[in-house]
Amino acid sequence: MKALYGIDMEEAQFSKTVDKIPEADIVISMGCGVKCPYVAKGFDADWGLEDPTGKDDETFIKVIRQIETLVKEL
């Protein structure tokens, strides 16, 4: 993320529980074979992306590019 977009994921970025995020209009689950909590909204989708955890940079970049494409299509 830092090399591609200048976003340092090691600084202030951290996972948040569903009760700690603002109310959302759109909910997207990344997939990755992980069960996400259900948050009922008008638009709720699961993109079914590969979980890049523990994989090489090439795999992370592939998933990042897939997310970028899907966000632009959204």
N, C-alpha and C. Protein backbone atom coordinates (compact mmCIF):
# COMPACT_ATOMS: atom_id res chain seq x y z
N MET A 1 0.83 -1.18 0.00
CA MET A 1 0.00 0.00 0.00
C MET A 1 0.88 1.25 0.00
N LYS A 2 1.97 1.19 0.73
CA LYS A 2 2.85 2.36 0.79
C LYS A 2 3.51 2.62 -0.56
N ALA A 3 4.02 1.57 -1.18
CA ALA A 3 4.69 1.72 -2.47
C ALA A 3 3.70 2.12 -3.57
N LEU A 4 2.49 1.59 -3.53
CA LEU A 4 1.51 1.85 -4.58
C LEU A 4 0.74 3.15 -4.38
N TYR A 5 0.38 3.46 -3.12
CA TYR A 5 -0.51 4.58 -2.86
C TYR A 5 -0.02 5.56 -1.79
N GLY A 6 1.15 5.30 -1.22
CA GLY A 6 1.66 6.18 -0.18
C GLY A 6 0.97 6.03 1.16
N ILE A 7 0.26 4.92 1.37
CA ILE A 7 -0.46 4.67 2.62
C ILE A 7 0.38 3.72 3.48
N ASP A 8 0.78 4.20 4.65
CA ASP A 8 1.60 3.40 5.54
C ASP A 8 0.69 2.58 6.44
N MET A 9 0.56 1.30 6.17
CA MET A 9 -0.32 0.40 6.92
C MET A 9 0.27 -0.01 8.26
N GLU A 10 1.53 0.33 8.51
CA GLU A 10 2.16 -0.06 9.77
C GLU A 10 2.04 1.01 10.84
N GLU A 11 1.63 2.19 10.48
CA GLU A 11 1.55 3.30 11.44
C GLU A 11 0.25 3.25 12.22
N ALA A 12 -0.75 4.00 11.81
CA ALA A 12 -1.98 4.16 12.59
C ALA A 12 -3.12 3.27 12.11
N GLN A 13 -2.86 2.36 11.21
CA GLN A 13 -3.92 1.49 10.69
C GLN A 13 -4.09 0.28 11.60
N PHE A 14 -5.34 -0.07 11.89
CA PHE A 14 -5.61 -1.25 12.70
C PHE A 14 -7.02 -1.74 12.42
N SER A 15 -7.27 -3.00 12.70
CA SER A 15 -8.61 -3.57 12.52
C SER A 15 -9.56 -2.97 13.53
N LYS A 16 -10.80 -2.81 13.10
CA LYS A 16 -11.83 -2.27 13.99
C LYS A 16 -13.00 -3.25 14.04
N THR A 17 -13.61 -3.38 15.20
CA THR A 17 -14.79 -4.23 15.30
C THR A 17 -15.99 -3.50 14.70
N VAL A 18 -16.98 -4.24 14.29
CA VAL A 18 -18.15 -3.67 13.62
C VAL A 18 -18.81 -2.58 14.46
N ASP A 19 -18.80 -2.71 15.77
CA ASP A 19 -19.44 -1.70 16.62
C ASP A 19 -18.60 -0.43 16.78
N LYS A 20 -17.39 -0.41 16.22
CA LYS A 20 -16.51 0.75 16.34
C LYS A 20 -16.38 1.54 15.03
N ILE A 21 -17.10 1.16 14.00
CA ILE A 21 -17.04 1.88 12.74
C ILE A 21 -18.31 2.69 12.55
N PRO A 22 -18.25 3.78 11.79
CA PRO A 22 -19.47 4.57 11.55
C PRO A 22 -20.50 3.77 10.77
N GLU A 23 -21.76 4.19 10.84
CA GLU A 23 -22.81 3.52 10.08
C GLU A 23 -22.48 3.60 8.59
N ALA A 24 -22.69 2.49 7.91
CA ALA A 24 -22.32 2.41 6.49
C ALA A 24 -23.54 2.32 5.59
N ASP A 25 -23.42 2.88 4.38
CA ASP A 25 -24.46 2.75 3.36
C ASP A 25 -24.24 1.49 2.53
N ILE A 26 -22.97 1.13 2.37
CA ILE A 26 -22.58 -0.02 1.56
C ILE A 26 -21.65 -0.88 2.39
N VAL A 27 -21.86 -2.19 2.35
CA VAL A 27 -21.00 -3.12 3.08
C VAL A 27 -20.41 -4.11 2.08
N ILE A 28 -19.09 -4.23 2.09
CA ILE A 28 -18.41 -5.18 1.22
C ILE A 28 -17.57 -6.12 2.08
N SER A 29 -17.80 -7.41 1.94
CA SER A 29 -16.95 -8.40 2.59
C SER A 29 -15.89 -8.79 1.56
N MET A 30 -14.68 -8.95 2.01
CA MET A 30 -13.59 -9.26 1.08
C MET A 30 -13.59 -10.72 0.67
N GLY A 31 -14.28 -11.55 1.43
CA GLY A 31 -14.25 -12.98 1.13
C GLY A 31 -13.14 -13.63 1.91
N CYS A 32 -12.13 -14.08 1.25
CA CYS A 32 -10.93 -14.64 1.87
C CYS A 32 -11.21 -15.88 2.71
N GLY A 33 -12.39 -16.46 2.59
CA GLY A 33 -12.71 -17.65 3.34
C GLY A 33 -12.93 -17.40 4.82
N VAL A 34 -13.13 -16.13 5.20
CA VAL A 34 -13.35 -15.77 6.59
C VAL A 34 -14.81 -15.36 6.77
N LYS A 35 -15.44 -15.86 7.81
CA LYS A 35 -16.84 -15.51 8.09
C LYS A 35 -16.89 -14.12 8.70
N CYS A 36 -17.57 -13.20 8.01
CA CYS A 36 -17.71 -11.82 8.50
C CYS A 36 -19.07 -11.65 9.17
N PRO A 37 -19.15 -10.73 10.11
CA PRO A 37 -20.45 -10.47 10.73
C PRO A 37 -21.42 -9.87 9.71
N TYR A 38 -22.68 -10.21 9.83
CA TYR A 38 -23.69 -9.68 8.92
C TYR A 38 -24.09 -8.29 9.36
N VAL A 39 -24.03 -7.34 8.44
CA VAL A 39 -24.47 -5.97 8.69
C VAL A 39 -25.49 -5.66 7.61
N ALA A 40 -26.76 -5.67 7.97
CA ALA A 40 -27.84 -5.47 6.98
C ALA A 40 -27.79 -4.05 6.41
N LYS A 41 -27.66 -3.96 5.12
CA LYS A 41 -27.67 -2.68 4.41
C LYS A 41 -28.33 -2.89 3.06
N GLY A 42 -28.64 -1.78 2.39
CA GLY A 42 -29.26 -1.86 1.07
C GLY A 42 -28.39 -2.55 0.05
N PHE A 43 -27.08 -2.44 0.22
CA PHE A 43 -26.14 -3.10 -0.68
C PHE A 43 -25.14 -3.85 0.18
N ASP A 44 -25.09 -5.15 0.04
CA ASP A 44 -24.21 -6.00 0.84
C ASP A 44 -23.64 -7.06 -0.11
N ALA A 45 -22.33 -7.04 -0.31
CA ALA A 45 -21.73 -7.97 -1.27
C ALA A 45 -20.50 -8.65 -0.68
N ASP A 46 -20.18 -9.79 -1.21
CA ASP A 46 -18.97 -10.52 -0.85
C ASP A 46 -18.15 -10.68 -2.12
N TRP A 47 -16.97 -10.09 -2.16
CA TRP A 47 -16.15 -10.11 -3.36
C TRP A 47 -15.37 -11.41 -3.52
N GLY A 48 -15.30 -12.24 -2.52
CA GLY A 48 -14.65 -13.55 -2.65
C GLY A 48 -13.19 -13.47 -3.05
N LEU A 49 -12.46 -12.54 -2.50
CA LEU A 49 -11.05 -12.38 -2.85
C LEU A 49 -10.16 -13.37 -2.11
N GLU A 50 -9.02 -13.66 -2.70
CA GLU A 50 -8.02 -14.52 -2.09
C GLU A 50 -7.42 -13.81 -0.88
N ASP A 51 -7.20 -14.52 0.21
CA ASP A 51 -6.53 -13.96 1.38
C ASP A 51 -5.02 -13.99 1.14
N PRO A 52 -4.37 -12.83 1.03
CA PRO A 52 -2.94 -12.81 0.75
C PRO A 52 -2.05 -12.98 1.97
N THR A 53 -2.64 -13.18 3.14
CA THR A 53 -1.86 -13.30 4.37
C THR A 53 -0.79 -14.39 4.23
N GLY A 54 0.45 -14.03 4.54
CA GLY A 54 1.56 -14.96 4.50
C GLY A 54 2.10 -15.24 3.11
N LYS A 55 1.58 -14.54 2.12
CA LYS A 55 2.02 -14.76 0.74
C LYS A 55 2.99 -13.65 0.31
N ASP A 56 3.53 -13.78 -0.88
CA ASP A 56 4.52 -12.83 -1.37
C ASP A 56 3.88 -11.50 -1.80
N ASP A 57 4.74 -10.51 -2.06
CA ASP A 57 4.27 -9.18 -2.45
C ASP A 57 3.44 -9.23 -3.74
N GLU A 58 3.82 -10.09 -4.66
CA GLU A 58 3.10 -10.21 -5.93
C GLU A 58 1.63 -10.57 -5.68
N THR A 59 1.39 -11.47 -4.75
CA THR A 59 0.02 -11.87 -4.43
C THR A 59 -0.73 -10.70 -3.80
N PHE A 60 -0.10 -9.98 -2.87
CA PHE A 60 -0.73 -8.81 -2.26
C PHE A 60 -1.10 -7.78 -3.33
N ILE A 61 -0.18 -7.51 -4.25
CA ILE A 61 -0.44 -6.53 -5.30
C ILE A 61 -1.59 -6.99 -6.19
N LYS A 62 -1.65 -8.26 -6.49
CA LYS A 62 -2.76 -8.81 -7.29
C LYS A 62 -4.10 -8.53 -6.61
N VAL A 63 -4.18 -8.80 -5.31
CA VAL A 63 -5.42 -8.58 -4.57
C VAL A 63 -5.73 -7.09 -4.48
N ILE A 64 -4.71 -6.27 -4.24
CA ILE A 64 -4.91 -4.81 -4.19
C ILE A 64 -5.48 -4.31 -5.52
N ARG A 65 -4.95 -4.79 -6.62
CA ARG A 65 -5.43 -4.37 -7.95
C ARG A 65 -6.88 -4.84 -8.18
N GLN A 66 -7.21 -6.04 -7.69
CA GLN A 66 -8.59 -6.52 -7.81
C GLN A 66 -9.53 -5.62 -7.02
N ILE A 67 -9.13 -5.24 -5.81
CA ILE A 67 -9.95 -4.35 -4.99
C ILE A 67 -10.12 -3.01 -5.69
N GLU A 68 -9.04 -2.46 -6.22
CA GLU A 68 -9.10 -1.19 -6.93
C GLU A 68 -10.09 -1.24 -8.09
N THR A 69 -10.04 -2.30 -8.88
CA THR A 69 -10.95 -2.46 -10.01
C THR A 69 -12.40 -2.56 -9.53
N LEU A 70 -12.63 -3.37 -8.50
CA LEU A 70 -14.00 -3.55 -7.99
C LEU A 70 -14.56 -2.27 -7.39
N VAL A 71 -13.73 -1.50 -6.69
CA VAL A 71 -14.19 -0.22 -6.12
C VAL A 71 -14.57 0.73 -7.24
N LYS A 72 -13.76 0.80 -8.29
CA LYS A 72 -14.07 1.69 -9.42
C LYS A 72 -15.36 1.26 -10.12
N GLU A 73 -15.60 -0.05 -10.23
CA GLU A 73 -16.83 -0.54 -10.84
C GLU A 73 -18.04 -0.23 -9.97
N LEU A 74 -17.83 -0.21 -8.67
CA LEU A 74 -18.92 0.06 -7.73
C LEU A 74 -19.44 1.47 -7.90
